PDB file of N, CA and C in Angstrom:
ATOM      1  N   MET A   1     148.470 -89.665  57.952  1.00  0.00           N
ATOM      2  CA  MET A   1     149.824 -89.848  58.420  1.00  0.00           C
ATOM      3  C   MET A   1     150.761 -90.190  57.256  1.00  0.00           C
ATOM      4  N   GLN A   2     150.249 -90.959  56.301  1.00  0.00           N
ATOM      5  CA  GLN A   2     151.048 -91.333  55.135  1.00  0.00           C
ATOM      6  C   GLN A   2     151.430 -90.098  54.325  1.00  0.00           C
ATOM      7  N   ASP A   3     150.481 -89.143  54.157  1.00  0.00           N
ATOM      8  CA  ASP A   3     150.792 -87.917  53.425  1.00  0.00           C
ATOM      9  C   ASP A   3     151.899 -87.126  54.110  1.00  0.00           C
ATOM     10  N   LEU A   4     151.855 -87.101  55.422  1.00  0.00           N
ATOM     11  CA  LEU A   4     152.840 -86.343  56.184  1.00  0.00           C
ATOM     12  C   LEU A   4     154.219 -86.998  56.116  1.00  0.00           C
ATOM     13  N   LEU A   5     154.270 -88.317  56.279  1.00  0.00           N
ATOM     14  CA  LEU A   5     155.552 -89.015  56.247  1.00  0.00           C
ATOM     15  C   LEU A   5     156.118 -89.121  54.842  1.00  0.00           C
ATOM     16  N   GLY A   6     155.242 -89.134  53.849  1.00  0.00           N
ATOM     17  CA  GLY A   6     155.689 -89.227  52.468  1.00  0.00           C
ATOM     18  C   GLY A   6     155.943 -87.880  51.822  1.00  0.00           C
ATOM     19  N   PHE A   7     155.845 -86.812  52.593  1.00  0.00           N
ATOM     20  CA  PHE A   7     156.031 -85.447  52.106  1.00  0.00           C
ATOM     21  C   PHE A   7     155.044 -85.099  50.997  1.00  0.00           C
ATOM     22  N   ASP A   8     153.861 -85.723  51.007  1.00  0.00           N
ATOM     23  CA  ASP A   8     152.823 -85.378  50.042  1.00  0.00           C
ATOM     24  C   ASP A   8     152.020 -84.171  50.502  1.00  0.00           C
ATOM     25  N   LYS A   9     151.973 -83.951  51.801  1.00  0.00           N
ATOM     26  CA  LYS A   9     151.272 -82.787  52.352  1.00  0.00           C
ATOM     27  C   LYS A   9     152.300 -81.879  53.008  1.00  0.00           C
ATOM     28  N   MET A  10     152.213 -80.597  52.676  1.00  0.00           N
ATOM     29  CA  MET A  10     153.153 -79.621  53.214  1.00  0.00           C
ATOM     30  C   MET A  10     152.705 -79.160  54.601  1.00  0.00           C
ATOM     31  N   VAL A  11     153.624 -79.105  55.522  1.00  0.00           N
ATOM     32  CA  VAL A  11     153.352 -78.650  56.882  1.00  0.00           C
ATOM     33  C   VAL A  11     153.682 -77.167  57.020  1.00  0.00           C
ATOM     34  N   THR A  12     154.581 -76.689  56.193  1.00  0.00           N
ATOM     35  CA  THR A  12     155.080 -75.333  56.322  1.00  0.00           C
ATOM     36  C   THR A  12     154.000 -74.252  56.219  1.00  0.00           C
ATOM     37  N   PRO A  13     152.973 -74.373  55.355  1.00  0.00           N
ATOM     38  CA  PRO A  13     151.935 -73.326  55.350  1.00  0.00           C
ATOM     39  C   PRO A  13     151.260 -73.139  56.709  1.00  0.00           C
ATOM     40  N   ILE A  14     151.099 -74.206  57.458  1.00  0.00           N
ATOM     41  CA  ILE A  14     150.508 -74.084  58.790  1.00  0.00           C
ATOM     42  C   ILE A  14     151.467 -73.335  59.709  1.00  0.00           C
ATOM     43  N   ILE A  15     152.746 -73.650  59.592  1.00  0.00           N
ATOM     44  CA  ILE A  15     153.751 -72.977  60.408  1.00  0.00           C
ATOM     45  C   ILE A  15     153.824 -71.495  60.045  1.00  0.00           C
ATOM     46  N   ILE A  16     153.692 -71.174  58.757  1.00  0.00           N
ATOM     47  CA  ILE A  16     153.728 -69.779  58.317  1.00  0.00           C
ATOM     48  C   ILE A  16     152.564 -69.004  58.926  1.00  0.00           C
ATOM     49  N   ARG A  17     151.386 -69.616  58.992  1.00  0.00           N
ATOM     50  CA  ARG A  17     150.240 -68.936  59.610  1.00  0.00           C
ATOM     51  C   ARG A  17     150.493 -68.670  61.094  1.00  0.00           C
ATOM     52  N   ILE A  18     151.098 -69.621  61.769  1.00  0.00           N
ATOM     53  CA  ILE A  18     151.429 -69.429  63.190  1.00  0.00           C
ATOM     54  C   ILE A  18     152.450 -68.300  63.336  1.00  0.00           C
ATOM     55  N   LEU A  19     153.463 -68.299  62.475  1.00  0.00           N
ATOM     56  CA  LEU A  19     154.470 -67.239  62.524  1.00  0.00           C
ATOM     57  C   LEU A  19     153.878 -65.875  62.200  1.00  0.00           C
ATOM     58  N   TYR A  20     152.842 -65.851  61.341  1.00  0.00           N
ATOM     59  CA  TYR A  20     152.158 -64.601  61.033  1.00  0.00           C
ATOM     60  C   TYR A  20     151.532 -64.016  62.296  1.00  0.00           C
ATOM     61  N   PHE A  21     150.825 -64.835  63.050  1.00  0.00           N
ATOM     62  CA  PHE A  21     150.201 -64.339  64.271  1.00  0.00           C
ATOM     63  C   PHE A  21     151.245 -63.962  65.320  1.00  0.00           C
ATOM     64  N   LEU A  22     152.341 -64.695  65.385  1.00  0.00           N
ATOM     65  CA  LEU A  22     153.426 -64.317  66.292  1.00  0.00           C
ATOM     66  C   LEU A  22     154.061 -62.993  65.860  1.00  0.00           C
ATOM     67  N   GLY A  23     154.170 -62.782  64.563  1.00  0.00           N
ATOM     68  CA  GLY A  23     154.683 -61.515  64.045  1.00  0.00           C
ATOM     69  C   GLY A  23     153.777 -60.353  64.403  1.00  0.00           C
ATOM     70  N   LEU A  24     152.460 -60.587  64.310  1.00  0.00           N
ATOM     71  CA  LEU A  24     151.518 -59.533  64.705  1.00  0.00           C
ATOM     72  C   LEU A  24     151.625 -59.225  66.191  1.00  0.00           C
ATOM     73  N   LEU A  25     151.814 -60.261  67.002  1.00  0.00           N
ATOM     74  CA  LEU A  25     152.001 -60.034  68.437  1.00  0.00           C
ATOM     75  C   LEU A  25     153.288 -59.236  68.696  1.00  0.00           C
ATOM     76  N   ALA A  26     154.335 -59.508  67.942  1.00  0.00           N
ATOM     77  CA  ALA A  26     155.582 -58.763  68.084  1.00  0.00           C
ATOM     78  C   ALA A  26     155.379 -57.302  67.692  1.00  0.00           C
ATOM     79  N   VAL A  27     154.622 -57.068  66.622  1.00  0.00           N
ATOM     80  CA  VAL A  27     154.326 -55.690  66.208  1.00  0.00           C
ATOM     81  C   VAL A  27     153.537 -54.977  67.303  1.00  0.00           C
ATOM     82  N   LEU A  28     152.568 -55.658  67.884  1.00  0.00           N
ATOM     83  CA  LEU A  28     151.799 -55.052  68.973  1.00  0.00           C
ATOM     84  C   LEU A  28     152.675 -54.764  70.188  1.00  0.00           C
ATOM     85  N   ALA A  29     153.598 -55.652  70.502  1.00  0.00           N
ATOM     86  CA  ALA A  29     154.498 -55.436  71.630  1.00  0.00           C
ATOM     87  C   ALA A  29     155.409 -54.236  71.376  1.00  0.00           C
ATOM     88  N   MET A  30     155.938 -54.128  70.161  1.00  0.00           N
ATOM     89  CA  MET A  30     156.788 -52.988  69.838  1.00  0.00           C
ATOM     90  C   MET A  30     155.991 -51.681  69.856  1.00  0.00           C
ATOM     91  N   THR A  31     154.732 -51.759  69.402  1.00  0.00           N
ATOM     92  CA  THR A  31     153.868 -50.581  69.436  1.00  0.00           C
ATOM     93  C   THR A  31     153.602 -50.151  70.869  1.00  0.00           C
ATOM     94  N   ALA A  32     153.309 -51.102  71.742  1.00  0.00           N
ATOM     95  CA  ALA A  32     153.069 -50.787  73.153  1.00  0.00           C
ATOM     96  C   ALA A  32     154.322 -50.199  73.790  1.00  0.00           C
ATOM     97  N   THR A  33     155.485 -50.737  73.458  1.00  0.00           N
ATOM     98  CA  THR A  33     156.739 -50.213  73.997  1.00  0.00           C
ATOM     99  C   THR A  33     156.954 -48.773  73.556  1.00  0.00           C
ATOM    100  N   ALA A  34     156.697 -48.515  72.277  1.00  0.00           N
ATOM    101  CA  ALA A  34     156.854 -47.152  71.764  1.00  0.00           C
ATOM    102  C   ALA A  34     155.861 -46.203  72.433  1.00  0.00           C
ATOM    103  N   LEU A  35     154.651 -46.659  72.692  1.00  0.00           N
ATOM    104  CA  LEU A  35     153.661 -45.816  73.371  1.00  0.00           C
ATOM    105  C   LEU A  35     154.095 -45.499  74.803  1.00  0.00           C
ATOM    106  N   PHE A  36     154.626 -46.477  75.514  1.00  0.00           N
ATOM    107  CA  PHE A  36     155.082 -46.247  76.886  1.00  0.00           C
ATOM    108  C   PHE A  36     156.274 -45.297  76.940  1.00  0.00           C
ATOM    109  N   GLN A  37     157.042 -45.253  75.862  1.00  0.00           N
ATOM    110  CA  GLN A  37     158.175 -44.332  75.794  1.00  0.00           C
ATOM    111  C   GLN A  37     157.753 -42.942  75.326  1.00  0.00           C
ATOM    112  N   GLY A  38     156.470 -42.787  74.997  1.00  0.00           N
ATOM    113  CA  GLY A  38     155.954 -41.487  74.569  1.00  0.00           C
ATOM    114  C   GLY A  38     156.154 -41.187  73.102  1.00  0.00           C
ATOM    115  N   ARG A  39     156.472 -42.162  72.318  1.00  0.00           N
ATOM    116  CA  ARG A  39     156.686 -41.985  70.872  1.00  0.00           C
ATOM    117  C   ARG A  39     155.409 -42.365  70.129  1.00  0.00           C
ATOM    118  N   ILE A  40     154.493 -41.469  70.075  1.00  0.00           N
ATOM    119  CA  ILE A  40     153.180 -41.764  69.496  1.00  0.00           C
ATOM    120  C   ILE A  40     153.268 -41.971  67.990  1.00  0.00           C
ATOM    121  N   LEU A  41     154.003 -41.114  67.292  1.00  0.00           N
ATOM    122  CA  LEU A  41     154.115 -41.263  65.830  1.00  0.00           C
ATOM    123  C   LEU A  41     154.837 -42.555  65.455  1.00  0.00           C
ATOM    124  N   VAL A  42     155.860 -42.899  66.208  1.00  0.00           N
ATOM    125  CA  VAL A  42     156.580 -44.156  65.957  1.00  0.00           C
ATOM    126  C   VAL A  42     155.647 -45.341  66.197  1.00  0.00           C
ATOM    127  N   ALA A  43     154.836 -45.252  67.250  1.00  0.00           N
ATOM    128  CA  ALA A  43     153.903 -46.335  67.568  1.00  0.00           C
ATOM    129  C   ALA A  43     152.881 -46.519  66.450  1.00  0.00           C
ATOM    130  N   ILE A  44     152.359 -45.413  65.936  1.00  0.00           N
ATOM    131  CA  ILE A  44     151.387 -45.499  64.831  1.00  0.00           C
ATOM    132  C   ILE A  44     152.053 -46.084  63.584  1.00  0.00           C
ATOM    133  N   GLY A  45     153.263 -45.627  63.300  1.00  0.00           N
ATOM    134  CA  GLY A  45     153.998 -46.156  62.144  1.00  0.00           C
ATOM    135  C   GLY A  45     154.285 -47.637  62.278  1.00  0.00           C
ATOM    136  N   LEU A  46     154.700 -48.040  63.468  1.00  0.00           N
ATOM    137  CA  LEU A  46     154.959 -49.465  63.700  1.00  0.00           C
ATOM    138  C   LEU A  46     153.686 -50.291  63.527  1.00  0.00           C
ATOM    139  N   LEU A  47     152.607 -49.797  64.065  1.00  0.00           N
ATOM    140  CA  LEU A  47     151.356 -50.541  63.990  1.00  0.00           C
ATOM    141  C   LEU A  47     150.898 -50.714  62.552  1.00  0.00           C
ATOM    142  N   VAL A  48     150.922 -49.631  61.801  1.00  0.00           N
ATOM    143  CA  VAL A  48     150.434 -49.691  60.413  1.00  0.00           C
ATOM    144  C   VAL A  48     151.410 -50.449  59.516  1.00  0.00           C
ATOM    145  N   PHE A  49     152.647 -49.959  59.450  1.00  0.00           N
ATOM    146  CA  PHE A  49     153.598 -50.541  58.508  1.00  0.00           C
ATOM    147  C   PHE A  49     154.099 -51.909  58.961  1.00  0.00           C
ATOM    148  N   GLY A  50     154.223 -52.112  60.251  1.00  0.00           N
ATOM    149  CA  GLY A  50     154.642 -53.416  60.751  1.00  0.00           C
ATOM    150  C   GLY A  50     153.640 -54.503  60.413  1.00  0.00           C
ATOM    151  N   ALA A  51     152.363 -54.199  60.609  1.00  0.00           N
ATOM    152  CA  ALA A  51     151.321 -55.178  60.291  1.00  0.00           C
ATOM    153  C   ALA A  51     151.281 -55.474  58.795  1.00  0.00           C
ATOM    154  N   ILE A  52     151.455 -54.429  57.985  1.00  0.00           N
ATOM    155  CA  ILE A  52     151.448 -54.628  56.523  1.00  0.00           C
ATOM    156  C   ILE A  52     152.643 -55.462  56.093  1.00  0.00           C
ATOM    157  N   ILE A  53     153.802 -55.175  56.627  1.00  0.00           N
ATOM    158  CA  ILE A  53     155.014 -55.910  56.239  1.00  0.00           C
ATOM    159  C   ILE A  53     154.911 -57.379  56.640  1.00  0.00           C
ATOM    160  N   VAL A  54     154.415 -57.644  57.848  1.00  0.00           N
ATOM    161  CA  VAL A  54     154.254 -59.032  58.294  1.00  0.00           C
ATOM    162  C   VAL A  54     153.267 -59.760  57.389  1.00  0.00           C
ATOM    163  N   ARG A  55     152.178 -59.095  57.017  1.00  0.00           N
ATOM    164  CA  ARG A  55     151.162 -59.717  56.157  1.00  0.00           C
ATOM    165  C   ARG A  55     151.718 -60.016  54.762  1.00  0.00           C
ATOM    166  N   VAL A  56     152.386 -59.045  54.170  1.00  0.00           N
ATOM    167  CA  VAL A  56     152.923 -59.230  52.813  1.00  0.00           C
ATOM    168  C   VAL A  56     153.968 -60.344  52.794  1.00  0.00           C
ATOM    169  N   TYR A  57     154.842 -60.357  53.771  1.00  0.00           N
ATOM    170  CA  TYR A  57     155.873 -61.397  53.833  1.00  0.00           C
ATOM    171  C   TYR A  57     155.242 -62.782  53.967  1.00  0.00           C
ATOM    172  N   SER A  58     154.232 -62.889  54.814  1.00  0.00           N
ATOM    173  CA  SER A  58     153.547 -64.172  54.995  1.00  0.00           C
ATOM    174  C   SER A  58     152.841 -64.603  53.713  1.00  0.00           C
ATOM    175  N   GLU A  59     152.200 -63.657  53.037  1.00  0.00           N
ATOM    176  CA  GLU A  59     151.508 -63.990  51.790  1.00  0.00           C
ATOM    177  C   GLU A  59     152.483 -64.445  50.712  1.00  0.00           C
ATOM    178  N   LEU A  60     153.648 -63.833  50.657  1.00  0.00           N
ATOM    179  CA  LEU A  60     154.642 -64.255  49.670  1.00  0.00           C
ATOM    180  C   LEU A  60     155.114 -65.682  49.935  1.00  0.00           C
ATOM    181  N   LEU A  61     155.292 -66.018  51.198  1.00  0.00           N
ATOM    182  CA  LEU A  61     155.698 -67.384  51.520  1.00  0.00           C
ATOM    183  C   LEU A  61     154.590 -68.386  51.190  1.00  0.00           C
ATOM    184  N   ILE A  62     153.348 -68.044  51.519  1.00  0.00           N
ATOM    185  CA  ILE A  62     152.221 -68.923  51.201  1.00  0.00           C
ATOM    186  C   ILE A  62     152.074 -69.072  49.686  1.00  0.00           C
ATOM    187  N   LEU A  63     152.338 -67.991  48.944  1.00  0.00           N
ATOM    188  CA  LEU A  63     152.242 -68.028  47.488  1.00  0.00           C
ATOM    189  C   LEU A  63     153.167 -69.082  46.890  1.00  0.00           C
ATOM    190  N   LEU A  64     154.359 -69.207  47.448  1.00  0.00           N
ATOM    191  CA  LEU A  64     155.290 -70.231  46.952  1.00  0.00           C
ATOM    192  C   LEU A  64     154.699 -71.632  47.081  1.00  0.00           C
ATOM    193  N   PHE A  65     154.026 -71.887  48.182  1.00  0.00           N
ATOM    194  CA  PHE A  65     153.445 -73.210  48.384  1.00  0.00           C
ATOM    195  C   PHE A  65     152.208 -73.426  47.520  1.00  0.00           C
ATOM    196  N   ARG A  66     151.459 -72.381  47.242  1.00  0.00           N
ATOM    197  CA  ARG A  66     150.316 -72.527  46.325  1.00  0.00           C
ATOM    198  C   ARG A  66     150.783 -72.790  44.906  1.00  0.00           C
ATOM    199  N   ILE A  67     151.873 -72.142  44.515  1.00  0.00           N
ATOM    200  CA  ILE A  67     152.454 -72.430  43.201  1.00  0.00           C
ATOM    201  C   ILE A  67     152.887 -73.887  43.142  1.00  0.00           C
ATOM    202  N   HIS A  68     153.494 -74.371  44.202  1.00  0.00           N
ATOM    203  CA  HIS A  68     153.899 -75.775  44.261  1.00  0.00           C
ATOM    204  C   HIS A  68     152.689 -76.696  44.126  1.00  0.00           C
ATOM    205  N   ASP A  69     151.614 -76.407  44.845  1.00  0.00           N
ATOM    206  CA  ASP A  69     150.409 -77.238  44.769  1.00  0.00           C
ATOM    207  C   ASP A  69     149.845 -77.255  43.359  1.00  0.00           C
ATOM    208  N   ASN A  70     149.824 -76.091  42.696  1.00  0.00           N
ATOM    209  CA  ASN A  70     149.311 -76.025  41.328  1.00  0.00           C
ATOM    210  C   ASN A  70     150.192 -76.811  40.362  1.00  0.00           C
ATOM    211  N   LEU A  71     151.492 -76.735  40.547  1.00  0.00           N
ATOM    212  CA  LEU A  71     152.389 -77.494  39.681  1.00  0.00           C
ATOM    213  C   LEU A  71     152.225 -78.997  39.879  1.00  0.00           C
ATOM    214  N   VAL A  72     152.015 -79.423  41.114  1.00  0.00           N
ATOM    215  CA  VAL A  72     151.774 -80.843  41.384  1.00  0.00           C
ATOM    216  C   VAL A  72     150.479 -81.278  40.714  1.00  0.00           C
ATOM    217  N   SER A  73     149.451 -80.457  40.781  1.00  0.00           N
ATOM    218  CA  SER A  73     148.169 -80.775  40.152  1.00  0.00           C
ATOM    219  C   SER A  73     148.316 -80.883  38.633  1.00  0.00           C
ATOM    220  N   ILE A  74     149.034 -79.945  38.030  1.00  0.00           N
ATOM    221  CA  ILE A  74     149.265 -79.989  36.584  1.00  0.00           C
ATOM    222  C   ILE A  74     150.046 -81.247  36.213  1.00  0.00           C
ATOM    223  N   ASN A  75     151.038 -81.591  37.013  1.00  0.00           N
ATOM    224  CA  ASN A  75     151.832 -82.792  36.757  1.00  0.00           C
ATOM    225  C   ASN A  75     150.967 -84.046  36.815  1.00  0.00           C
ATOM    226  N   GLN A  76     150.084 -84.125  37.799  1.00  0.00           N
ATOM    227  CA  GLN A  76     149.194 -85.285  37.910  1.00  0.00           C
ATOM    228  C   GLN A  76     148.243 -85.373  36.724  1.00  0.00           C
ATOM    229  N   GLN A  77     147.743 -84.232  36.268  1.00  0.00           N
ATOM    230  CA  GLN A  77     146.844 -84.222  35.109  1.00  0.00           C
ATOM    231  C   GLN A  77     147.576 -84.659  33.845  1.00  0.00           C
ATOM    232  N   MET A  78     148.817 -84.211  33.703  1.00  0.00           N
ATOM    233  CA  MET A  78     149.599 -84.601  32.531  1.00  0.00           C
ATOM    234  C   MET A  78     149.894 -86.099  32.543  1.00  0.00           C
ATOM    235  N   LYS A  79     150.186 -86.643  33.720  1.00  0.00           N
ATOM    236  CA  LYS A  79     150.426 -88.084  33.819  1.00  0.00           C
ATOM    237  C   LYS A  79     149.165 -88.871  33.503  1.00  0.00           C
ATOM    238  N   ALA A  80     148.013 -88.381  33.940  1.00  0.00           N
ATOM    239  CA  ALA A  80     146.753 -89.053  33.655  1.00  0.00           C
ATOM    240  C   ALA A  80     146.451 -89.048  32.165  1.00  0.00           C
ATOM    241  N   ARG A  81     146.750 -87.964  31.501  1.00  0.00           N
ATOM    242  CA  ARG A  81     146.515 -87.889  30.052  1.00  0.00           C
ATOM    243  C   ARG A  81     147.443 -88.829  29.302  1.00  0.00           C
ATOM    244  N   ASN A  82     148.706 -88.893  29.748  1.00  0.00           N
ATOM    245  CA  ASN A  82     149.685 -89.738  29.054  1.00  0.00           C
ATOM    246  C   ASN A  82     149.390 -91.218  29.244  1.00  0.00           C
ATOM    247  N   THR A  83     148.799 -91.613  30.363  1.00  0.00           N
ATOM    248  CA  THR A  83     148.507 -93.021  30.594  1.00  0.00           C
ATOM    249  C   THR A  83     147.186 -93.444  29.976  1.00  0.00           C
ATOM    250  N   SER A  84     146.352 -92.483  29.593  1.00  0.00           N
ATOM    251  CA  SER A  84     145.057 -92.841  29.009  1.00  0.00           C
ATOM    252  C   SER A  84     145.173 -93.247  27.549  1.00  0.00           C
ATOM    253  N   GLY A  85     146.323 -93.030  26.959  1.00  0.00           N
ATOM    254  CA  GLY A  85     146.536 -93.449  25.572  1.00  0.00           C
ATOM    255  C   GLY A  85     146.418 -92.303  24.607  1.00  0.00           C
ATOM    256  N   PRO A  86     146.629 -92.596  23.322  1.00  0.00           N
ATOM    257  CA  PRO A  86     146.571 -91.524  22.318  1.00  0.00           C
ATOM    258  C   PRO A  86     145.139 -91.048  22.112  1.00  0.00           C
ATOM    259  N   LEU A  87     145.039 -89.800  21.676  1.00  0.00           N
ATOM    260  CA  LEU A  87     143.720 -89.216  21.455  1.00  0.00           C
ATOM    261  C   LEU A  87     143.079 -89.741  20.234  1.00  0.00           C
TER     262      LEU A  87
END
């Protein structure tokens, strides 16, 4: 709870994963709608490219948070080295 209230742990990556699955459900719904309208090529395009676009967008957002985690780790290591004294 302390990590969450102190903003030490990010909540957004979990939300991004949920939004990813909601995006996939939206792609499936649009694909089903296109199929019911008789647009088979549009449905195939939506299914393939829609799923890829949702995945890439989600990965880019997650990448930002992984970069943040790595920078925090590097910062902690640098602080540990500086407090340990001269070499």
